[in-house]
């Protein structure tokens, strides 16, 4: 009964979203980009932390 929306349905939904949130879209995308950047930065730090801990244990 309800399946995946087709091309026209997606186009209509996209049009409605643009009408409702068009003026706020740049700030939303900027916030999304900053969030992704912070997430990547956090994962890099988390990957580097075990190496630092191992180095400290080796020195002790």
N, C-alpha and C. Protein backbone atom coordinates (compact mmCIF):
# COMPACT_ATOMS: atom_id res chain seq x y z
N UNK A 1 0.83 -1.19 0.00
CA UNK A 1 0.00 0.00 0.00
C UNK A 1 0.88 1.26 0.00
N UNK A 2 1.74 1.38 1.01
CA UNK A 2 2.65 2.52 1.05
C UNK A 2 4.05 2.02 0.74
N UNK A 3 4.58 2.49 -0.36
CA UNK A 3 5.92 2.10 -0.75
C UNK A 3 6.84 3.30 -0.74
N UNK A 4 7.95 3.14 -1.38
CA UNK A 4 8.89 4.25 -1.51
C UNK A 4 8.29 5.31 -2.42
N UNK A 5 8.44 6.57 -2.05
CA UNK A 5 7.90 7.63 -2.90
C UNK A 5 8.66 7.70 -4.22
N UNK A 6 7.93 8.02 -5.26
CA UNK A 6 8.52 8.13 -6.58
C UNK A 6 9.15 9.49 -6.80
N UNK A 7 9.55 9.73 -8.04
CA UNK A 7 10.22 10.98 -8.38
C UNK A 7 9.37 12.21 -8.17
N UNK A 8 8.11 12.15 -8.59
CA UNK A 8 7.23 13.31 -8.46
C UNK A 8 6.92 13.61 -6.99
N UNK A 9 6.71 12.57 -6.21
CA UNK A 9 6.43 12.79 -4.79
C UNK A 9 7.61 13.45 -4.09
N UNK A 10 8.81 12.98 -4.39
CA UNK A 10 10.00 13.58 -3.80
C UNK A 10 10.17 15.03 -4.23
N UNK A 11 9.86 15.31 -5.47
CA UNK A 11 9.96 16.67 -5.99
C UNK A 11 8.98 17.60 -5.28
N UNK A 12 7.76 17.12 -5.05
CA UNK A 12 6.75 17.92 -4.35
C UNK A 12 7.18 18.17 -2.91
N UNK A 13 7.68 17.14 -2.24
CA UNK A 13 8.14 17.30 -0.85
C UNK A 13 9.30 18.28 -0.79
N UNK A 14 10.24 18.18 -1.72
CA UNK A 14 11.36 19.10 -1.76
C UNK A 14 10.89 20.54 -1.97
N UNK A 15 9.91 20.73 -2.85
CA UNK A 15 9.36 22.06 -3.07
C UNK A 15 8.71 22.63 -1.83
N UNK A 16 7.98 21.81 -1.10
CA UNK A 16 7.32 22.27 0.13
C UNK A 16 8.37 22.63 1.18
N UNK A 17 9.40 21.81 1.30
CA UNK A 17 10.47 22.09 2.27
C UNK A 17 11.15 23.41 1.92
N UNK A 18 11.41 23.63 0.64
CA UNK A 18 12.05 24.89 0.24
C UNK A 18 11.16 26.09 0.51
N UNK A 19 9.86 25.94 0.31
CA UNK A 19 8.95 27.04 0.60
C UNK A 19 8.89 27.35 2.09
N UNK A 20 8.89 26.32 2.91
CA UNK A 20 8.77 26.53 4.35
C UNK A 20 10.07 26.97 5.00
N UNK A 21 11.19 26.39 4.58
CA UNK A 21 12.46 26.63 5.26
C UNK A 21 13.50 27.30 4.37
N UNK A 22 13.11 27.85 3.25
CA UNK A 22 14.06 28.42 2.30
C UNK A 22 14.93 29.52 2.87
N UNK A 23 14.34 30.40 3.67
CA UNK A 23 15.12 31.52 4.20
C UNK A 23 16.07 31.08 5.31
N UNK A 24 15.78 29.97 5.99
CA UNK A 24 16.63 29.49 7.07
C UNK A 24 17.60 28.41 6.60
N UNK A 25 17.49 27.99 5.37
CA UNK A 25 18.29 26.88 4.86
C UNK A 25 19.80 27.13 4.95
N UNK A 26 20.32 28.31 4.59
CA UNK A 26 21.77 28.53 4.70
C UNK A 26 22.30 28.38 6.13
N UNK A 27 21.57 28.90 7.11
CA UNK A 27 22.04 28.78 8.49
C UNK A 27 21.95 27.34 8.98
N UNK A 28 20.93 26.62 8.54
CA UNK A 28 20.80 25.21 8.92
C UNK A 28 21.95 24.40 8.34
N UNK A 29 22.28 24.65 7.08
CA UNK A 29 23.38 23.92 6.44
C UNK A 29 24.72 24.28 7.07
N UNK A 30 24.90 25.53 7.45
CA UNK A 30 26.13 25.95 8.11
C UNK A 30 26.28 25.23 9.45
N UNK A 31 25.19 25.17 10.20
CA UNK A 31 25.22 24.46 11.48
C UNK A 31 25.50 22.98 11.29
N UNK A 32 24.92 22.40 10.26
CA UNK A 32 25.15 20.99 9.97
C UNK A 32 26.62 20.75 9.63
N UNK A 33 27.20 21.63 8.83
CA UNK A 33 28.62 21.51 8.48
C UNK A 33 29.52 21.63 9.69
N UNK A 34 29.20 22.56 10.59
CA UNK A 34 30.00 22.71 11.81
C UNK A 34 29.87 21.48 12.70
N UNK A 35 28.68 20.92 12.75
CA UNK A 35 28.47 19.72 13.56
C UNK A 35 29.27 18.55 13.02
N UNK A 36 29.28 18.39 11.71
CA UNK A 36 30.04 17.30 11.09
C UNK A 36 31.53 17.49 11.35
N UNK A 37 32.00 18.73 11.24
CA UNK A 37 33.41 19.02 11.49
C UNK A 37 33.79 18.68 12.93
N UNK A 38 32.95 19.07 13.89
CA UNK A 38 33.23 18.77 15.29
C UNK A 38 33.21 17.27 15.55
N UNK A 39 32.30 16.56 14.91
CA UNK A 39 32.22 15.11 15.08
C UNK A 39 33.49 14.44 14.57
N UNK A 40 33.94 14.85 13.39
CA UNK A 40 35.17 14.28 12.82
C UNK A 40 36.37 14.59 13.71
N UNK A 41 36.42 15.81 14.23
CA UNK A 41 37.51 16.21 15.12
C UNK A 41 37.50 15.35 16.39
N UNK A 42 36.32 15.09 16.93
CA UNK A 42 36.20 14.25 18.12
C UNK A 42 36.61 12.82 17.87
N UNK A 43 36.26 12.28 16.71
CA UNK A 43 36.65 10.90 16.42
C UNK A 43 38.16 10.78 16.22
N UNK A 44 38.77 11.80 15.62
CA UNK A 44 40.24 11.77 15.47
C UNK A 44 40.92 11.81 16.83
N UNK A 45 40.40 12.66 17.72
CA UNK A 45 40.99 12.76 19.06
C UNK A 45 40.81 11.44 19.81
N UNK A 46 39.66 10.81 19.64
CA UNK A 46 39.41 9.54 20.33
C UNK A 46 40.32 8.44 19.80
N UNK A 47 40.64 8.49 18.51
CA UNK A 47 41.54 7.50 17.95
C UNK A 47 42.97 7.72 18.42
N UNK A 48 43.36 8.97 18.65
CA UNK A 48 44.73 9.28 19.06
C UNK A 48 44.94 9.05 20.56
N UNK A 49 43.89 9.12 21.36
CA UNK A 49 44.01 8.98 22.80
C UNK A 49 44.60 7.64 23.22
N UNK A 50 44.14 6.51 22.68
CA UNK A 50 44.75 5.24 23.11
C UNK A 50 46.25 5.19 22.85
N UNK A 51 46.71 5.80 21.77
CA UNK A 51 48.14 5.84 21.49
C UNK A 51 48.89 6.61 22.57
N UNK A 52 48.32 7.72 23.00
CA UNK A 52 48.96 8.52 24.05
C UNK A 52 49.00 7.75 25.36
N UNK A 53 47.93 7.05 25.67
CA UNK A 53 47.89 6.27 26.90
C UNK A 53 48.92 5.16 26.86
N UNK A 54 49.03 4.47 25.71
CA UNK A 54 50.03 3.41 25.57
C UNK A 54 51.44 3.95 25.73
N UNK A 55 51.71 5.14 25.18
CA UNK A 55 53.04 5.75 25.30
C UNK A 55 53.35 6.08 26.76
N UNK A 56 52.36 6.59 27.49
CA UNK A 56 52.57 6.94 28.89
C UNK A 56 52.80 5.69 29.74
N UNK A 57 52.10 4.60 29.44
CA UNK A 57 52.29 3.36 30.18
C UNK A 57 53.67 2.77 29.90
N UNK A 58 54.14 2.92 28.69
CA UNK A 58 55.45 2.38 28.33
C UNK A 58 56.57 3.14 29.06
N UNK A 59 56.37 4.44 29.27
CA UNK A 59 57.38 5.25 29.96
C UNK A 59 57.39 4.96 31.46
N UNK A 60 56.27 4.53 32.01
CA UNK A 60 56.16 4.32 33.46
C UNK A 60 56.77 3.03 33.92
